[in-house]
Amino acid sequence: MNPSAKILTQLLNLLEERLKQTGQWQARQPEAAAFNSATPFCVDTMKLEQWLRYVFLPRMRALIDAGKGLPASCAITEQIEMVFTNNEKAKVMEVTLAIDQLLSEHKMPPIRLLKQV
């Protein structure tokens, strides 16, 4: 596993943990038809929390597990900022920003963030 994939795995695990901590870990999986959405983040068929759990995290983990190349860019933090409330936003955004920067700018996340995994 390349270093970026290893770091991304840590960040994805931390994102899952933060979603659980903030009560954003959706237990109810969307209907199968919801996954056919052509809009970014499936905003027309599911909540952002559902998209993170049932689309983003599994797809990113599948890419890593298959040894496929990682996306050249990522921009989920802006969506988090628009949808989540202030109470949950900061904890989740800290991780999504690190993911966005790792994939889009090849910027390594702060060590203190990786130590939380």
C-alpha atoms as a PDB file:
ATOM      1  CA  MET A   1       0.000   0.000   0.000  1.00  0.00           C
ATOM      2  CA  ASN A   2       1.444   3.359  -0.972  1.00  0.00           C
ATOM      3  CA  PRO A   3       1.934   6.001   1.743  1.00  0.00           C
ATOM      4  CA  SER A   4      -0.971   8.182   0.558  1.00  0.00           C
ATOM      5  CA  ALA A   5      -3.330   5.204   0.594  1.00  0.00           C
ATOM      6  CA  LYS A   6      -2.210   4.292   4.100  1.00  0.00           C
ATOM      7  CA  ILE A   7      -2.797   7.836   5.347  1.00  0.00           C
ATOM      8  CA  LEU A   8      -6.140   7.989   3.549  1.00  0.00           C
ATOM      9  CA  THR A   9      -7.165   4.735   5.257  1.00  0.00           C
ATOM     10  CA  GLN A  10      -6.389   6.310   8.621  1.00  0.00           C
ATOM     11  CA  LEU A  11      -8.391   9.411   7.727  1.00  0.00           C
ATOM     12  CA  LEU A  12     -11.362   7.356   6.522  1.00  0.00           C
ATOM     13  CA  ASN A  13     -11.354   5.436   9.805  1.00  0.00           C
ATOM     14  CA  LEU A  14     -11.213   8.712  11.720  1.00  0.00           C
ATOM     15  CA  LEU A  15     -14.066  10.128   9.628  1.00  0.00           C
ATOM     16  CA  GLU A  16     -16.184   7.103  10.507  1.00  0.00           C
ATOM     17  CA  GLU A  17     -15.338   7.563  14.174  1.00  0.00           C
ATOM     18  CA  ARG A  18     -16.196  11.283  14.072  1.00  0.00           C
ATOM     19  CA  LEU A  19     -19.504  10.615  12.302  1.00  0.00           C
ATOM     20  CA  LYS A  20     -20.390   8.180  15.076  1.00  0.00           C
ATOM     21  CA  GLN A  21     -19.300  10.625  17.806  1.00  0.00           C
ATOM     22  CA  THR A  22     -21.477  13.390  16.392  1.00  0.00           C
ATOM     23  CA  GLY A  23     -24.539  11.201  15.823  1.00  0.00           C
ATOM     24  CA  GLN A  24     -24.203  11.399  12.033  1.00  0.00           C
ATOM     25  CA  TRP A  25     -23.635   7.674  11.436  1.00  0.00           C
ATOM     26  CA  GLN A  26     -26.847   6.769   9.634  1.00  0.00           C
ATOM     27  CA  ALA A  27     -28.101   3.293  10.512  1.00  0.00           C
ATOM     28  CA  ARG A  28     -30.740   3.187   7.793  1.00  0.00           C
ATOM     29  CA  GLN A  29     -29.373   2.339   4.372  1.00  0.00           C
ATOM     30  CA  PRO A  30     -31.043   4.222   1.514  1.00  0.00           C
ATOM     31  CA  GLU A  31     -33.235   2.358  -0.957  1.00  0.00           C
ATOM     32  CA  ALA A  32     -31.344   0.816  -3.890  1.00  0.00           C
ATOM     33  CA  ALA A  33     -32.739   3.410  -6.309  1.00  0.00           C
ATOM     34  CA  ALA A  34     -31.140   6.216  -4.269  1.00  0.00           C
ATOM     35  CA  PHE A  35     -27.701   5.039  -5.394  1.00  0.00           C
ATOM     36  CA  ASN A  36     -28.580   5.712  -9.047  1.00  0.00           C
ATOM     37  CA  SER A  37     -28.482   9.477  -8.546  1.00  0.00           C
ATOM     38  CA  ALA A  38     -26.409  11.429 -11.039  1.00  0.00           C
ATOM     39  CA  THR A  39     -26.140  14.505  -8.815  1.00  0.00           C
ATOM     40  CA  PRO A  40     -23.065  15.168  -6.669  1.00  0.00           C
ATOM     41  CA  PHE A  41     -23.337  13.683  -3.186  1.00  0.00           C
ATOM     42  CA  CYS A  42     -26.664  12.099  -4.264  1.00  0.00           C
ATOM     43  CA  VAL A  43     -28.318  15.208  -2.790  1.00  0.00           C
ATOM     44  CA  ASP A  44     -31.564  14.453  -4.577  1.00  0.00           C
ATOM     45  CA  THR A  45     -31.925  10.953  -3.114  1.00  0.00           C
ATOM     46  CA  MET A  46     -30.167  10.757   0.258  1.00  0.00           C
ATOM     47  CA  LYS A  47     -28.902  12.756   3.204  1.00  0.00           C
ATOM     48  CA  LEU A  48     -25.235  13.718   3.294  1.00  0.00           C
ATOM     49  CA  GLU A  49     -24.714  11.435   6.287  1.00  0.00           C
ATOM     50  CA  GLN A  50     -26.068   8.518   4.252  1.00  0.00           C
ATOM     51  CA  TRP A  51     -23.861   9.395   1.284  1.00  0.00           C
ATOM     52  CA  LEU A  52     -20.776   9.490   3.496  1.00  0.00           C
ATOM     53  CA  ARG A  53     -21.524   6.112   5.072  1.00  0.00           C
ATOM     54  CA  TYR A  54     -22.954   4.190   2.141  1.00  0.00           C
ATOM     55  CA  VAL A  55     -21.214   5.765  -0.864  1.00  0.00           C
ATOM     56  CA  PHE A  56     -18.059   7.725  -0.029  1.00  0.00           C
ATOM     57  CA  LEU A  57     -16.466   5.527   2.639  1.00  0.00           C
ATOM     58  CA  PRO A  58     -17.127   2.201   0.851  1.00  0.00           C
ATOM     59  CA  ARG A  59     -15.962   3.505  -2.538  1.00  0.00           C
ATOM     60  CA  MET A  60     -12.773   4.989  -1.149  1.00  0.00           C
ATOM     61  CA  ARG A  61     -12.006   1.820   0.812  1.00  0.00           C
ATOM     62  CA  ALA A  62     -12.689  -0.306  -2.278  1.00  0.00           C
ATOM     63  CA  LEU A  63     -10.234   1.771  -4.328  1.00  0.00           C
ATOM     64  CA  ILE A  64      -7.579   1.357  -1.657  1.00  0.00           C
ATOM     65  CA  ASP A  65      -8.217  -2.392  -1.248  1.00  0.00           C
ATOM     66  CA  ALA A  66      -8.046  -2.937  -5.009  1.00  0.00           C
ATOM     67  CA  GLY A  67      -4.802  -0.991  -5.257  1.00  0.00           C
ATOM     68  CA  LYS A  68      -6.410   1.367  -7.741  1.00  0.00           C
ATOM     69  CA  GLY A  69      -5.243   4.931  -8.124  1.00  0.00           C
ATOM     70  CA  LEU A  70      -6.743   7.436  -5.742  1.00  0.00           C
ATOM     71  CA  PRO A  71      -8.908  10.297  -7.024  1.00  0.00           C
ATOM     72  CA  ALA A  72      -6.910  13.301  -8.205  1.00  0.00           C
ATOM     73  CA  SER A  73      -9.163  15.664  -6.285  1.00  0.00           C
ATOM     74  CA  CYS A  74     -11.782  15.719  -3.578  1.00  0.00           C
ATOM     75  CA  ALA A  75     -14.036  18.503  -2.301  1.00  0.00           C
ATOM     76  CA  ILE A  76     -16.435  17.281   0.355  1.00  0.00           C
ATOM     77  CA  THR A  77     -15.668  19.834   3.067  1.00  0.00           C
ATOM     78  CA  GLU A  78     -17.775  22.561   1.457  1.00  0.00           C
ATOM     79  CA  GLN A  79     -20.793  20.256   1.446  1.00  0.00           C
ATOM     80  CA  ILE A  80     -20.232  19.387   5.120  1.00  0.00           C
ATOM     81  CA  GLU A  81     -20.055  23.092   5.912  1.00  0.00           C
ATOM     82  CA  MET A  82     -23.401  23.750   4.218  1.00  0.00           C
ATOM     83  CA  VAL A  83     -25.309  20.781   5.654  1.00  0.00           C
ATOM     84  CA  PHE A  84     -24.049  19.979   9.140  1.00  0.00           C
ATOM     85  CA  THR A  85     -24.855  22.141  12.158  1.00  0.00           C
ATOM     86  CA  ASN A  86     -22.179  23.957  14.141  1.00  0.00           C
ATOM     87  CA  ASN A  87     -22.114  21.337  16.905  1.00  0.00           C
ATOM     88  CA  GLU A  88     -21.099  18.511  14.598  1.00  0.00           C
ATOM     89  CA  LYS A  89     -19.411  20.489  11.840  1.00  0.00           C
ATOM     90  CA  ALA A  90     -15.965  21.181  13.326  1.00  0.00           C
ATOM     91  CA  LYS A  91     -15.125  17.597  14.288  1.00  0.00           C
ATOM     92  CA  VAL A  92     -16.153  16.197  10.919  1.00  0.00           C
ATOM     93  CA  MET A  93     -14.752  19.073   8.844  1.00  0.00           C
ATOM     94  CA  GLU A  94     -11.310  18.701  10.383  1.00  0.00           C
ATOM     95  CA  VAL A  95     -11.121  15.216   8.876  1.00  0.00           C
ATOM     96  CA  THR A  96     -12.809  15.964   5.547  1.00  0.00           C
ATOM     97  CA  LEU A  97     -10.487  18.928   5.036  1.00  0.00           C
ATOM     98  CA  ALA A  98      -7.497  16.637   5.593  1.00  0.00           C
ATOM     99  CA  ILE A  99      -8.948  14.179   3.038  1.00  0.00           C
ATOM    100  CA  ASP A 100      -9.612  16.963   0.528  1.00  0.00           C
ATOM    101  CA  GLN A 101      -6.087  18.339   0.927  1.00  0.00           C
ATOM    102  CA  LEU A 102      -4.425  14.923   0.746  1.00  0.00           C
ATOM    103  CA  LEU A 103      -6.164  14.019  -2.509  1.00  0.00           C
ATOM    104  CA  SER A 104      -6.306  17.440  -4.170  1.00  0.00           C
ATOM    105  CA  GLU A 105      -3.041  19.027  -3.034  1.00  0.00           C
ATOM    106  CA  HIS A 106      -0.999  16.012  -1.835  1.00  0.00           C
ATOM    107  CA  LYS A 107      -0.723  17.816   1.496  1.00  0.00           C
ATOM    108  CA  MET A 108      -0.077  15.577   4.485  1.00  0.00           C
ATOM    109  CA  PRO A 109      -2.487  15.941   7.413  1.00  0.00           C
ATOM    110  CA  PRO A 110      -1.289  17.124  10.817  1.00  0.00           C
ATOM    111  CA  ILE A 111       0.371  14.347  12.840  1.00  0.00           C
ATOM    112  CA  ARG A 112      -1.928  15.070  15.791  1.00  0.00           C
ATOM    113  CA  LEU A 113      -4.896  14.168  13.593  1.00  0.00           C
ATOM    114  CA  LEU A 114      -3.384  10.838  12.546  1.00  0.00           C
ATOM    115  CA  LYS A 115      -2.580   9.998  16.165  1.00  0.00           C
ATOM    116  CA  GLN A 116      -6.308  10.086  16.943  1.00  0.00           C
ATOM    117  CA  VAL A 117      -6.966   6.972  14.869  1.00  0.00           C
END
